[in-house]
Amino acid sequence: MDNVSRYGYINAKLRARIGAILSSSLLESMIKAPRLPDAVSLLSGTQYDCLSEVFRRTGDLQQVELEIFSREIKIQRDIIRALSGSPADFVTTLLEKSEIENIKNAIRLWYSAKVLNHSMSYRASYIYRDRIVNDIDWTRIINALTWDEIASAFRDSVYAPVFQTHGGEEIQNNGLFSFEIGLDHLWFERVYAGLAHLSRADREVATRIYDVDVDLKNILNLIRYGFYHKAPSATVEGIFIPHGSLYALLEKKMRSSQLSFADARQVVSRKYPEVGAMMMDMESKDEMGGKASGLAYDTLAIENYLARHRRRSYRRILSLDPFTIGTILSYIHLCTSTDNTIKGILEAKYYGWDEERIRRELN
């Protein structure tokens, strides 16, 4: 089966699923549910029935979240099995994002137990233990006594360069932040390397999507670390992912001088004027001595705006050529986004949030 025929078959099925997800009233009903058990019960008989079953069996919301994670992996694996060649390889690289999140969770657990001396053994049951993409001994990581033991478990993996860059002494003294940034950068490097092997049509669609993803992530990092946490410009520059349409403009500023928040905001305004205006408003409030809580709320407002922009960029792909990888990427994003919304609603119900607050936070 050639790529056009294969995409035609796969995308027809996925578009039907996308339509069903977008037209569903499930999320709205869950938000209106009075209590957590009521919200969970609404999942019964739907494609999320497995989540309801886990909750009935365990009563443990974190086990439900683990099942959500497992479900996301299965969805992408099913797509990979239906593809072949470079599209299959590319979606496999995308699945490595889930693997990286699991690596972070496992190592955070180890760090809390071995470096911070917290009792974390009960958390080990919430780590996904099966194979995701690469052969990783999750139990070995969790039970390691030293950082070197963890690094040795990744010696022959695609993640080896990050472990070679970040040693045990750095982790002991400075924590996991730079290490986790390194994993994120590695994943984006692998995504952009994978783009080069796609057909021209697939590459154009996928590049458009991931350029927006990188732009939005760089904007969020700029606001979180450059503005809210007042990190030094060198730290912020090191966090930036060196891809996307904004980075080349930011890099010019960085080459000529230290990058100030005002400089970066001007660059952002060229491509995302609404975000630039919101950033300018944050600067004004900060100069007038605005409260941290208010600035944090403004930061959240920008995050929500960027999330909506990202959703729109994925949905626009559905109006383009149906015989490309675009529909697949939109479907993966929609499934992940919906799963995250379900997880957010269930967590909100667990903490007793009212309907208004849930809507405001989900936005």
Protein backbone atom coordinates (compact mmCIF):
# COMPACT_ATOMS: atom_id res chain seq x y z
CA MET A 1 0.00 0.00 0.00
CA ASP A 2 1.51 3.39 -1.01
CA ASN A 3 1.57 6.37 1.36
CA VAL A 4 -1.43 8.09 -0.24
CA SER A 5 -3.59 4.98 0.07
CA ARG A 6 -2.30 4.27 3.57
CA TYR A 7 -2.95 7.84 4.73
CA GLY A 8 -6.36 7.83 3.10
CA TYR A 9 -7.35 4.70 5.03
CA ILE A 10 -5.83 5.73 8.38
CA ASN A 11 -6.94 9.35 8.24
CA ALA A 12 -10.54 8.44 7.39
CA LYS A 13 -10.68 6.39 10.58
CA LEU A 14 -8.95 9.06 12.64
CA ARG A 15 -11.15 11.88 11.36
CA ALA A 16 -14.21 9.92 12.49
CA ARG A 17 -12.65 9.52 15.94
CA ILE A 18 -11.69 13.20 16.03
CA GLY A 19 -15.26 14.16 15.19
CA ALA A 20 -16.58 11.94 17.97
CA ILE A 21 -14.19 13.45 20.52
CA LEU A 22 -14.96 17.05 19.52
CA SER A 23 -18.73 16.50 19.53
CA SER A 24 -18.78 14.64 22.85
CA SER A 25 -20.43 16.24 25.89
CA LEU A 26 -18.44 14.03 28.26
CA LEU A 27 -16.07 16.71 29.56
CA GLU A 28 -18.91 19.16 30.15
CA SER A 29 -20.85 16.51 32.09
CA MET A 30 -17.77 15.68 34.17
CA ILE A 31 -17.29 19.34 35.09
CA LYS A 32 -20.90 19.51 36.27
CA ALA A 33 -20.68 16.27 38.28
CA PRO A 34 -21.09 17.02 42.02
CA ARG A 35 -18.33 14.71 43.31
CA LEU A 36 -15.32 12.71 42.15
CA PRO A 37 -17.14 9.32 42.07
CA ASP A 38 -19.90 10.89 39.97
CA ALA A 39 -17.36 12.28 37.50
CA VAL A 40 -15.59 8.93 37.25
CA SER A 41 -18.85 7.05 36.71
CA LEU A 42 -19.49 9.11 33.57
CA LEU A 43 -16.47 7.41 31.97
CA SER A 44 -18.20 4.01 32.10
CA GLY A 45 -19.31 2.75 28.71
CA THR A 46 -17.12 5.25 26.85
CA GLN A 47 -13.70 4.83 25.27
CA TYR A 48 -12.38 5.79 28.72
CA ASP A 49 -14.12 2.89 30.45
CA CYS A 50 -10.72 1.50 31.51
CA LEU A 51 -10.24 4.54 33.76
CA SER A 52 -13.56 3.95 35.47
CA GLU A 53 -12.66 0.30 35.98
CA VAL A 54 -9.32 1.19 37.61
CA PHE A 55 -11.06 3.61 39.98
CA ARG A 56 -13.71 1.03 40.90
CA ARG A 57 -11.00 -1.52 41.60
CA THR A 58 -8.56 0.69 43.52
CA GLY A 59 -10.27 3.94 44.52
CA ASP A 60 -6.86 5.48 43.81
CA LEU A 61 -6.79 8.54 41.57
CA GLN A 62 -3.05 8.19 40.95
CA GLN A 63 -3.63 4.70 39.57
CA VAL A 64 -6.21 6.26 37.25
CA GLU A 65 -3.58 8.77 36.10
CA LEU A 66 -1.16 5.90 35.46
CA GLU A 67 -3.84 4.22 33.34
CA ILE A 68 -4.29 7.47 31.39
CA PHE A 69 -0.55 7.47 30.68
CA SER A 70 -0.70 3.82 29.60
CA ARG A 71 -3.64 4.58 27.32
CA GLU A 72 -1.76 7.41 25.58
CA ILE A 73 1.14 5.06 24.87
CA LYS A 74 -1.21 2.44 23.42
CA ILE A 75 -2.88 5.00 21.12
CA GLN A 76 0.45 6.02 19.59
CA ARG A 77 1.63 2.42 19.30
CA ASP A 78 -1.53 1.52 17.39
CA ILE A 79 -0.81 4.36 14.95
CA ILE A 80 2.83 3.29 14.54
CA ARG A 81 1.72 -0.27 13.70
CA ALA A 82 -0.54 1.11 10.96
CA LEU A 83 2.32 3.08 9.39
CA SER A 84 5.64 2.15 7.83
CA GLY A 85 8.90 3.82 6.83
CA SER A 86 9.72 7.39 7.85
CA PRO A 87 6.19 8.26 9.12
CA ALA A 88 6.33 5.29 11.52
CA ASP A 89 9.82 6.31 12.61
CA PHE A 90 8.68 9.88 13.18
CA VAL A 91 5.69 8.93 15.33
CA THR A 92 8.00 6.60 17.27
CA THR A 93 10.20 9.60 18.01
CA LEU A 94 7.12 11.49 19.19
CA LEU A 95 6.37 8.60 21.56
CA GLU A 96 9.79 9.13 23.11
CA LYS A 97 8.29 12.23 24.74
CA SER A 98 6.22 9.92 26.95
CA GLU A 99 9.33 7.88 27.65
CA ILE A 100 11.20 11.02 28.69
CA GLU A 101 8.37 12.00 31.04
CA ASN A 102 8.58 8.55 32.61
CA ILE A 103 12.36 8.89 32.94
CA LYS A 104 11.86 12.22 34.71
CA ASN A 105 9.27 10.74 37.07
CA ALA A 106 11.44 7.73 37.93
CA ILE A 107 14.52 9.88 38.53
CA ARG A 108 12.56 12.42 40.58
CA LEU A 109 11.46 9.54 42.77
CA TRP A 110 15.07 8.37 43.12
CA TYR A 111 16.23 11.94 43.84
CA SER A 112 13.62 12.45 46.56
CA ALA A 113 14.55 9.18 48.22
CA LYS A 114 18.34 9.14 47.87
CA VAL A 115 19.32 12.82 47.78
CA LEU A 116 16.58 14.47 49.84
CA ASN A 117 16.11 11.41 52.11
CA HIS A 118 12.34 11.43 51.80
CA SER A 119 10.33 8.26 52.25
CA MET A 120 9.04 7.67 48.71
CA SER A 121 8.70 3.89 48.43
CA TYR A 122 4.91 4.12 48.16
CA ARG A 123 5.29 6.25 45.00
CA ALA A 124 7.14 3.53 43.11
CA SER A 125 3.87 1.79 42.21
CA TYR A 126 2.86 4.84 40.16
CA ILE A 127 5.81 4.55 37.76
CA TYR A 128 5.05 2.95 34.40
CA ARG A 129 7.25 -0.16 34.16
CA ASP A 130 6.61 -1.59 30.68
CA ARG A 131 8.58 -0.83 27.53
CA ILE A 132 7.65 2.43 25.83
CA VAL A 133 10.16 2.80 22.98
CA ASN A 134 13.57 1.77 24.27
CA ASP A 135 14.59 -1.02 26.63
CA ILE A 136 14.85 0.67 30.02
CA ASP A 137 15.09 -1.08 33.37
CA TRP A 138 12.76 1.14 35.38
CA THR A 139 13.18 -0.85 38.59
CA ARG A 140 16.95 -0.49 38.35
CA ILE A 141 16.58 3.28 38.12
CA ILE A 142 14.22 3.57 41.07
CA ASN A 143 16.36 1.31 43.28
CA ALA A 144 19.76 2.74 42.27
CA LEU A 145 21.98 3.84 45.13
CA THR A 146 23.98 6.38 43.13
CA TRP A 147 23.65 8.60 40.07
CA ASP A 148 26.38 6.62 38.35
CA GLU A 149 24.20 3.50 38.58
CA ILE A 150 21.39 5.34 36.85
CA ALA A 151 23.69 6.74 34.17
CA SER A 152 25.06 3.26 33.47
CA ALA A 153 21.52 2.03 32.79
CA PHE A 154 21.34 4.53 29.90
CA ARG A 155 24.89 4.05 28.60
CA ASP A 156 23.79 2.47 25.31
CA SER A 157 20.55 4.42 24.88
CA VAL A 158 19.63 7.49 22.83
CA TYR A 159 19.63 9.41 26.13
CA ALA A 160 23.30 8.69 26.91
CA PRO A 161 24.55 12.18 25.84
CA VAL A 162 22.39 13.86 28.49
CA PHE A 163 23.70 11.58 31.24
CA GLN A 164 27.25 12.18 30.06
CA THR A 165 26.74 15.94 30.31
CA HIS A 166 25.18 15.93 33.79
CA GLY A 167 27.16 14.13 36.47
CA GLY A 168 26.32 13.04 39.98
CA GLU A 169 28.01 15.99 41.68
CA GLU A 170 25.94 18.46 39.66
CA ILE A 171 22.73 16.59 40.46
CA GLN A 172 23.65 16.45 44.15
CA ASN A 173 24.41 20.17 44.35
CA ASN A 174 22.02 21.74 41.85
CA GLY A 175 19.13 19.33 41.47
CA LEU A 176 17.49 17.97 38.33
CA PHE A 177 16.49 21.16 36.52
CA SER A 178 19.34 21.36 33.99
CA PHE A 179 19.24 17.61 33.45
CA GLU A 180 15.53 17.69 32.61
CA ILE A 181 16.04 20.64 30.26
CA GLY A 182 18.71 18.53 28.55
CA LEU A 183 16.21 15.71 28.01
CA ASP A 184 13.69 18.16 26.53
CA HIS A 185 16.32 19.58 24.17
CA LEU A 186 17.38 16.11 23.09
CA TRP A 187 13.79 15.18 22.23
CA PHE A 188 13.28 18.29 20.09
CA GLU A 189 16.60 17.65 18.34
CA ARG A 190 15.41 14.15 17.50
CA VAL A 191 12.04 15.46 16.29
CA TYR A 192 13.67 17.99 13.95
CA ALA A 193 16.14 15.38 12.72
CA GLY A 194 13.17 13.12 11.99
CA LEU A 195 11.47 15.85 9.96
CA ALA A 196 14.30 15.68 7.42
CA HIS A 197 13.38 12.09 6.55
CA LEU A 198 9.70 12.75 5.85
CA SER A 199 8.26 13.40 2.41
CA ARG A 200 8.10 17.04 1.39
CA ALA A 201 4.35 17.29 2.08
CA ASP A 202 4.66 15.59 5.47
CA ARG A 203 7.71 17.65 6.37
CA GLU A 204 5.97 20.95 5.59
CA VAL A 205 2.93 20.07 7.70
CA ALA A 206 4.90 18.67 10.62
CA THR A 207 7.44 21.52 10.62
CA ARG A 208 4.60 24.03 10.76
CA ILE A 209 3.19 22.26 13.81
CA TYR A 210 6.43 21.82 15.72
CA ASP A 211 7.69 25.32 14.95
CA VAL A 212 4.58 26.60 16.74
CA ASP A 213 5.10 24.11 19.58
CA VAL A 214 8.69 25.29 20.06
CA ASP A 215 7.72 28.97 19.85
CA LEU A 216 5.09 28.54 22.55
CA LYS A 217 7.40 26.54 24.80
CA ASN A 218 10.12 29.18 24.44
CA ILE A 219 7.64 31.94 25.27
CA LEU A 220 6.47 30.09 28.38
CA ASN A 221 10.05 29.49 29.51
CA LEU A 222 10.88 33.14 28.93
CA ILE A 223 7.94 34.23 31.10
CA ARG A 224 8.39 31.62 33.82
CA TYR A 225 12.13 31.95 34.24
CA GLY A 226 13.07 35.28 32.69
CA PHE A 227 10.22 37.30 34.17
CA TYR A 228 8.57 35.48 37.04
CA HIS A 229 11.66 33.84 38.59
CA LYS A 230 14.08 36.61 37.48
CA ALA A 231 16.65 34.06 36.27
CA PRO A 232 19.89 35.47 34.79
CA SER A 233 19.76 36.01 31.03
CA ALA A 234 22.41 33.32 30.48
CA THR A 235 20.19 30.79 32.26
CA VAL A 236 17.15 31.76 30.19
CA GLU A 237 19.16 31.58 26.97
CA GLY A 238 20.31 28.08 27.89
CA ILE A 239 16.71 26.98 28.38
CA PHE A 240 15.56 28.13 24.93
CA ILE A 241 14.99 25.34 22.42
CA PRO A 242 17.07 26.29 19.34
CA HIS A 243 14.28 25.81 16.80
CA GLY A 244 11.05 27.48 15.76
CA SER A 245 10.47 30.85 14.13
CA LEU A 246 11.19 32.96 17.22
CA TYR A 247 14.54 31.48 18.14
CA ALA A 248 16.44 32.90 15.16
CA LEU A 249 15.22 36.40 16.08
CA LEU A 250 16.03 35.89 19.76
CA GLU A 251 19.47 34.57 18.83
CA LYS A 252 20.31 37.81 17.02
CA LYS A 253 19.56 39.73 20.20
CA MET A 254 21.57 37.26 22.28
CA ARG A 255 24.61 37.60 20.01
CA SER A 256 24.68 41.38 20.30
CA SER A 257 24.00 41.74 24.03
CA GLN A 258 22.41 40.12 27.05
CA LEU A 259 18.77 39.38 26.37
CA SER A 260 16.45 41.48 28.52
CA PHE A 261 12.80 40.63 29.03
CA ALA A 262 11.84 43.82 27.17
CA ASP A 263 14.01 42.80 24.20
CA ALA A 264 12.45 39.35 24.13
CA ARG A 265 8.96 40.78 24.43
CA GLN A 266 9.56 42.95 21.36
CA VAL A 267 10.63 39.86 19.41
CA VAL A 268 7.57 37.90 20.56
CA SER A 269 5.30 40.80 19.56
CA ARG A 270 6.35 40.51 15.92
CA LYS A 271 4.83 37.06 15.53
CA TYR A 272 2.43 36.85 18.48
CA PRO A 273 1.20 40.44 19.05
CA GLU A 274 -1.50 39.42 21.55
CA VAL A 275 1.09 37.69 23.73
CA GLY A 276 3.44 40.67 23.38
CA ALA A 277 0.68 42.97 24.65
CA MET A 278 0.03 40.68 27.62
CA MET A 279 3.76 40.59 28.41
CA MET A 280 3.91 44.40 28.28
CA ASP A 281 1.01 44.57 30.73
CA MET A 282 2.91 42.23 33.07
CA GLU A 283 5.98 44.48 32.87
CA SER A 284 3.89 47.54 33.73
CA LYS A 285 2.33 45.85 36.76
CA ASP A 286 5.74 44.64 37.91
CA GLU A 287 7.23 48.14 37.66
CA MET A 288 4.31 49.45 39.72
CA GLY A 289 4.98 46.88 42.44
CA GLY A 290 2.31 44.39 41.47
CA LYS A 291 1.72 41.52 43.87
CA ALA A 292 3.29 38.17 43.07
CA SER A 293 -0.14 36.51 43.13
CA GLY A 294 -1.42 38.91 40.48
CA LEU A 295 1.61 38.39 38.28
CA ALA A 296 1.24 34.63 38.67
CA TYR A 297 -2.38 34.93 37.54
CA ASP A 298 -1.25 36.93 34.49
CA THR A 299 1.32 34.23 33.74
CA LEU A 300 -1.42 31.60 33.88
CA ALA A 301 -3.57 33.72 31.55
CA ILE A 302 -0.75 33.76 28.99
CA GLU A 303 -0.25 30.01 29.38
CA ASN A 304 -3.96 29.46 28.73
CA TYR A 305 -3.88 31.76 25.70
CA LEU A 306 -0.91 29.89 24.25
CA ALA A 307 -2.63 26.55 24.88
CA ARG A 308 -5.67 27.77 22.94
CA HIS A 309 -3.42 29.01 20.13
CA ARG A 310 -1.76 25.59 20.00
CA ARG A 311 -5.13 23.82 19.81
CA ARG A 312 -6.15 26.07 16.92
CA SER A 313 -2.92 25.34 15.05
CA TYR A 314 -3.56 21.61 15.28
CA ARG A 315 -7.18 21.93 14.20
CA ARG A 316 -6.22 24.06 11.19
CA ILE A 317 -4.16 21.11 9.98
CA LEU A 318 -7.40 19.16 9.55
CA SER A 319 -8.47 21.54 6.76
CA LEU A 320 -5.33 20.81 4.74
CA ASP A 321 -4.37 17.88 2.50
CA PRO A 322 -5.84 14.73 4.11
CA PHE A 323 -3.12 12.57 2.56
CA THR A 324 -0.37 13.74 4.89
CA ILE A 325 0.78 13.04 8.42
CA GLY A 326 -1.13 16.12 9.62
CA THR A 327 -4.31 14.29 10.61
CA ILE A 328 -2.29 11.78 12.63
CA LEU A 329 -0.46 14.55 14.49
CA SER A 330 -3.73 16.36 15.18
CA TYR A 331 -5.31 13.15 16.48
CA ILE A 332 -2.40 12.45 18.83
CA HIS A 333 -2.55 16.01 20.14
CA LEU A 334 -6.33 15.88 20.62
CA CYS A 335 -6.15 12.57 22.49
CA THR A 336 -3.38 13.84 24.76
CA SER A 337 -5.18 17.14 25.33
CA THR A 338 -8.45 15.38 26.17
CA ASP A 339 -6.68 12.97 28.51
CA ASN A 340 -5.03 15.90 30.29
CA THR A 341 -8.41 17.62 30.63
CA ILE A 342 -9.96 14.48 32.11
CA LYS A 343 -7.04 14.20 34.52
CA GLY A 344 -7.43 17.87 35.46
CA ILE A 345 -11.16 17.51 36.10
CA LEU A 346 -10.68 14.42 38.27
CA GLU A 347 -7.95 16.12 40.31
CA ALA A 348 -10.18 19.18 40.74
CA LYS A 349 -13.07 17.00 41.95
CA TYR A 350 -10.70 15.26 44.36
CA TYR A 351 -9.80 18.62 45.91
CA GLY A 352 -13.42 19.76 45.98
CA TRP A 353 -13.16 22.63 43.51
CA ASP A 354 -16.43 24.16 42.40
CA GLU A 355 -17.54 24.25 38.77
CA GLU A 356 -16.55 27.89 38.25
CA ARG A 357 -12.99 27.33 39.43
CA ILE A 358 -12.60 24.22 37.29
CA ARG A 359 -13.69 26.11 34.18
CA ARG A 360 -11.37 29.00 35.01
CA GLU A 361 -8.36 26.73 35.50
CA LEU A 362 -9.05 24.61 32.42
CA ASN A 363 -10.03 27.58 30.27
